N, C-alpha and C. Protein backbone atom coordinates (compact mmCIF):
# COMPACT_ATOMS: atom_id res chain seq x y z
N MET A 1 6.72 -8.54 6.13
CA MET A 1 5.80 -8.18 5.08
C MET A 1 6.10 -6.74 4.68
N LYS A 2 6.08 -6.49 3.38
CA LYS A 2 6.37 -5.16 2.86
C LYS A 2 5.15 -4.62 2.11
N ILE A 3 4.70 -3.45 2.54
CA ILE A 3 3.59 -2.77 1.88
C ILE A 3 4.14 -1.51 1.22
N GLU A 4 3.84 -1.35 -0.06
CA GLU A 4 4.28 -0.16 -0.78
C GLU A 4 3.07 0.61 -1.29
N ILE A 5 3.15 1.92 -1.15
CA ILE A 5 2.15 2.80 -1.73
C ILE A 5 2.83 3.48 -2.92
N LEU A 6 2.27 3.25 -4.09
CA LEU A 6 2.82 3.84 -5.30
C LEU A 6 2.04 5.11 -5.61
N GLY A 7 2.73 6.23 -5.64
CA GLY A 7 2.07 7.49 -5.91
C GLY A 7 3.04 8.64 -5.89
N THR A 8 2.61 9.73 -6.47
CA THR A 8 3.49 10.88 -6.62
C THR A 8 3.27 11.94 -5.54
N GLY A 9 2.46 11.63 -4.55
CA GLY A 9 2.27 12.57 -3.44
C GLY A 9 0.94 13.30 -3.49
N CYS A 10 0.01 12.82 -4.28
CA CYS A 10 -1.30 13.46 -4.34
C CYS A 10 -2.08 13.15 -3.06
N LYS A 11 -3.19 13.82 -2.89
CA LYS A 11 -4.00 13.66 -1.68
C LYS A 11 -4.46 12.21 -1.52
N ARG A 12 -4.89 11.58 -2.61
CA ARG A 12 -5.35 10.19 -2.55
C ARG A 12 -4.21 9.24 -2.18
N CYS A 13 -3.03 9.50 -2.69
CA CYS A 13 -1.86 8.68 -2.37
C CYS A 13 -1.52 8.80 -0.88
N ASP A 14 -1.56 10.03 -0.40
CA ASP A 14 -1.27 10.27 1.02
C ASP A 14 -2.31 9.60 1.92
N GLN A 15 -3.58 9.61 1.49
CA GLN A 15 -4.62 8.97 2.28
C GLN A 15 -4.43 7.46 2.31
N LEU A 16 -4.08 6.87 1.17
CA LEU A 16 -3.83 5.43 1.14
C LEU A 16 -2.64 5.07 2.02
N TYR A 17 -1.62 5.90 2.02
CA TYR A 17 -0.45 5.67 2.87
C TYR A 17 -0.87 5.70 4.35
N ALA A 18 -1.66 6.70 4.73
CA ALA A 18 -2.13 6.81 6.12
C ALA A 18 -2.97 5.58 6.48
N ASN A 19 -3.82 5.13 5.58
CA ASN A 19 -4.64 3.95 5.84
C ASN A 19 -3.79 2.69 5.98
N ALA A 20 -2.74 2.59 5.18
CA ALA A 20 -1.85 1.43 5.25
C ALA A 20 -1.08 1.44 6.57
N LEU A 21 -0.63 2.61 7.01
CA LEU A 21 0.06 2.71 8.30
C LEU A 21 -0.86 2.29 9.43
N SER A 22 -2.10 2.73 9.37
CA SER A 22 -3.08 2.37 10.39
C SER A 22 -3.34 0.86 10.40
N ALA A 23 -3.48 0.29 9.22
CA ALA A 23 -3.73 -1.15 9.11
C ALA A 23 -2.54 -1.93 9.66
N ALA A 24 -1.33 -1.54 9.31
CA ALA A 24 -0.14 -2.23 9.78
C ALA A 24 -0.01 -2.11 11.30
N ALA A 25 -0.30 -0.93 11.83
CA ALA A 25 -0.18 -0.70 13.27
C ALA A 25 -1.16 -1.57 14.06
N SER A 26 -2.28 -1.91 13.46
CA SER A 26 -3.28 -2.71 14.17
C SER A 26 -2.77 -4.12 14.48
N PHE A 27 -1.72 -4.56 13.79
CA PHE A 27 -1.15 -5.88 14.04
C PHE A 27 -0.06 -5.84 15.11
N GLY A 28 0.27 -4.64 15.58
CA GLY A 28 1.26 -4.49 16.64
C GLY A 28 2.64 -4.20 16.11
N PRO A 29 3.51 -3.68 16.98
CA PRO A 29 4.84 -3.26 16.55
C PRO A 29 5.78 -4.41 16.19
N ASN A 30 5.49 -5.61 16.65
CA ASN A 30 6.37 -6.75 16.37
C ASN A 30 5.87 -7.63 15.24
N ALA A 31 4.92 -7.14 14.46
CA ALA A 31 4.32 -7.94 13.38
C ALA A 31 5.22 -8.04 12.16
N GLY A 32 6.22 -7.16 12.08
CA GLY A 32 7.13 -7.21 10.94
C GLY A 32 6.52 -6.69 9.65
N ILE A 33 5.65 -5.70 9.77
CA ILE A 33 5.00 -5.12 8.59
C ILE A 33 5.59 -3.74 8.36
N GLY A 34 6.25 -3.56 7.22
CA GLY A 34 6.82 -2.27 6.85
C GLY A 34 5.96 -1.61 5.80
N VAL A 35 5.79 -0.29 5.92
CA VAL A 35 5.01 0.48 4.96
C VAL A 35 5.91 1.59 4.42
N GLU A 36 5.95 1.71 3.10
CA GLU A 36 6.75 2.77 2.51
C GLU A 36 6.07 3.35 1.28
N LYS A 37 6.41 4.60 0.99
CA LYS A 37 5.93 5.27 -0.21
C LYS A 37 6.97 5.09 -1.30
N ASN A 38 6.51 4.99 -2.51
CA ASN A 38 7.41 4.93 -3.65
C ASN A 38 6.87 5.86 -4.72
N GLY A 39 7.65 6.88 -5.07
CA GLY A 39 7.23 7.86 -6.07
C GLY A 39 7.91 7.71 -7.41
N ASP A 40 8.56 6.58 -7.65
CA ASP A 40 9.32 6.34 -8.89
C ASP A 40 8.37 5.87 -10.00
N ILE A 41 8.09 6.75 -10.94
CA ILE A 41 7.14 6.44 -12.02
C ILE A 41 7.61 5.25 -12.85
N HIS A 42 8.90 5.09 -13.03
CA HIS A 42 9.42 3.94 -13.79
C HIS A 42 9.11 2.63 -13.06
N TYR A 43 9.17 2.66 -11.74
CA TYR A 43 8.82 1.48 -10.94
C TYR A 43 7.34 1.16 -11.10
N PHE A 44 6.50 2.21 -11.11
CA PHE A 44 5.06 2.00 -11.29
C PHE A 44 4.81 1.20 -12.56
N THR A 45 5.42 1.66 -13.65
CA THR A 45 5.16 1.00 -14.94
C THR A 45 5.69 -0.43 -14.96
N ARG A 46 6.82 -0.68 -14.33
CA ARG A 46 7.34 -2.05 -14.25
C ARG A 46 6.39 -2.95 -13.48
N MET A 47 5.68 -2.36 -12.52
CA MET A 47 4.72 -3.13 -11.72
C MET A 47 3.36 -3.23 -12.42
N GLY A 48 3.19 -2.52 -13.53
CA GLY A 48 1.92 -2.53 -14.25
C GLY A 48 0.89 -1.58 -13.67
N VAL A 49 1.35 -0.60 -12.90
CA VAL A 49 0.45 0.38 -12.29
C VAL A 49 0.52 1.66 -13.13
N PHE A 50 -0.59 1.96 -13.81
CA PHE A 50 -0.63 3.13 -14.68
C PHE A 50 -1.58 4.21 -14.16
N MET A 51 -2.18 3.95 -13.00
CA MET A 51 -3.05 4.92 -12.34
C MET A 51 -2.74 4.85 -10.85
N THR A 52 -2.55 6.00 -10.24
CA THR A 52 -2.24 6.02 -8.81
C THR A 52 -3.48 6.38 -8.02
N PRO A 53 -3.49 6.05 -6.74
CA PRO A 53 -2.45 5.34 -6.02
C PRO A 53 -2.49 3.85 -6.29
N GLY A 54 -1.36 3.22 -6.03
CA GLY A 54 -1.27 1.77 -6.13
C GLY A 54 -0.88 1.19 -4.78
N LEU A 55 -1.42 0.03 -4.49
CA LEU A 55 -1.09 -0.68 -3.24
C LEU A 55 -0.45 -2.00 -3.62
N VAL A 56 0.75 -2.23 -3.10
CA VAL A 56 1.50 -3.45 -3.38
C VAL A 56 1.84 -4.10 -2.04
N ILE A 57 1.55 -5.39 -1.93
CA ILE A 57 1.91 -6.14 -0.73
C ILE A 57 2.80 -7.29 -1.15
N ASP A 58 4.02 -7.30 -0.61
CA ASP A 58 5.02 -8.33 -0.92
C ASP A 58 5.16 -8.57 -2.42
N GLY A 59 5.22 -7.47 -3.18
CA GLY A 59 5.47 -7.54 -4.61
C GLY A 59 4.24 -7.81 -5.47
N GLU A 60 3.08 -7.97 -4.85
CA GLU A 60 1.84 -8.23 -5.59
C GLU A 60 0.97 -6.98 -5.59
N VAL A 61 0.58 -6.54 -6.78
CA VAL A 61 -0.29 -5.37 -6.89
C VAL A 61 -1.68 -5.77 -6.39
N ILE A 62 -2.16 -5.06 -5.39
CA ILE A 62 -3.44 -5.36 -4.75
C ILE A 62 -4.54 -4.43 -5.26
N ALA A 63 -4.23 -3.15 -5.42
CA ALA A 63 -5.23 -2.18 -5.85
C ALA A 63 -4.56 -1.09 -6.67
N VAL A 64 -5.29 -0.60 -7.66
CA VAL A 64 -4.81 0.47 -8.52
C VAL A 64 -5.91 1.51 -8.66
N GLY A 65 -5.55 2.77 -8.41
CA GLY A 65 -6.49 3.87 -8.58
C GLY A 65 -7.57 3.94 -7.52
N LYS A 66 -7.38 3.23 -6.41
CA LYS A 66 -8.38 3.20 -5.35
C LYS A 66 -7.72 3.54 -4.02
N VAL A 67 -8.49 4.16 -3.15
CA VAL A 67 -8.04 4.41 -1.79
C VAL A 67 -8.78 3.42 -0.90
N LEU A 68 -8.11 2.31 -0.62
CA LEU A 68 -8.71 1.30 0.26
C LEU A 68 -8.73 1.82 1.69
N THR A 69 -9.73 1.41 2.45
CA THR A 69 -9.80 1.79 3.85
C THR A 69 -8.78 0.98 4.64
N ALA A 70 -8.52 1.40 5.87
CA ALA A 70 -7.61 0.65 6.74
C ALA A 70 -8.16 -0.76 6.97
N ASP A 71 -9.47 -0.89 7.12
CA ASP A 71 -10.09 -2.22 7.31
C ASP A 71 -9.86 -3.12 6.10
N ASP A 72 -10.01 -2.55 4.89
CA ASP A 72 -9.78 -3.33 3.68
C ASP A 72 -8.33 -3.81 3.60
N ILE A 73 -7.42 -2.93 3.96
CA ILE A 73 -6.00 -3.28 3.92
C ILE A 73 -5.69 -4.33 4.97
N GLN A 74 -6.29 -4.21 6.16
CA GLN A 74 -6.11 -5.23 7.21
C GLN A 74 -6.52 -6.60 6.69
N LYS A 75 -7.65 -6.67 6.00
CA LYS A 75 -8.12 -7.94 5.46
C LYS A 75 -7.13 -8.50 4.45
N ARG A 76 -6.58 -7.63 3.61
CA ARG A 76 -5.60 -8.09 2.61
C ARG A 76 -4.33 -8.60 3.29
N ILE A 77 -3.91 -7.93 4.35
CA ILE A 77 -2.73 -8.36 5.10
C ILE A 77 -3.02 -9.73 5.73
N GLN A 78 -4.17 -9.86 6.37
CA GLN A 78 -4.54 -11.11 7.04
C GLN A 78 -4.57 -12.28 6.06
N GLU A 79 -5.04 -12.05 4.84
CA GLU A 79 -5.09 -13.09 3.82
C GLU A 79 -3.70 -13.62 3.47
N ARG A 80 -2.69 -12.79 3.65
CA ARG A 80 -1.32 -13.16 3.25
C ARG A 80 -0.47 -13.64 4.41
N ARG A 81 -1.04 -13.72 5.61
CA ARG A 81 -0.26 -14.16 6.77
C ARG A 81 -0.31 -15.64 6.93
C-alpha cells in the first residue's frame, strides 16, 4: 500500500505526514505500507488536488485541505485492506 502526502512543506503538510507515519506504523513493520511526501505541484494538479495538504492512498485522493488524525488515517487504511 502506498500513502502519499501532497504538500509543499507547510506545517499542516508536515503534521499530516507525521500522522500518516504513525497510522502506518500501527499496522507493524511487515504490513507493506509506504508513506512518502510529494512536493510536485504539477502532480497535485494531475491528481485534482488544488489545496494542500492532500492525502492519497493507492492513487485515490482521500482528503484535500485537511489534516486527518492518525486514527482517521488508520480507518482509511483498514477500509482498503
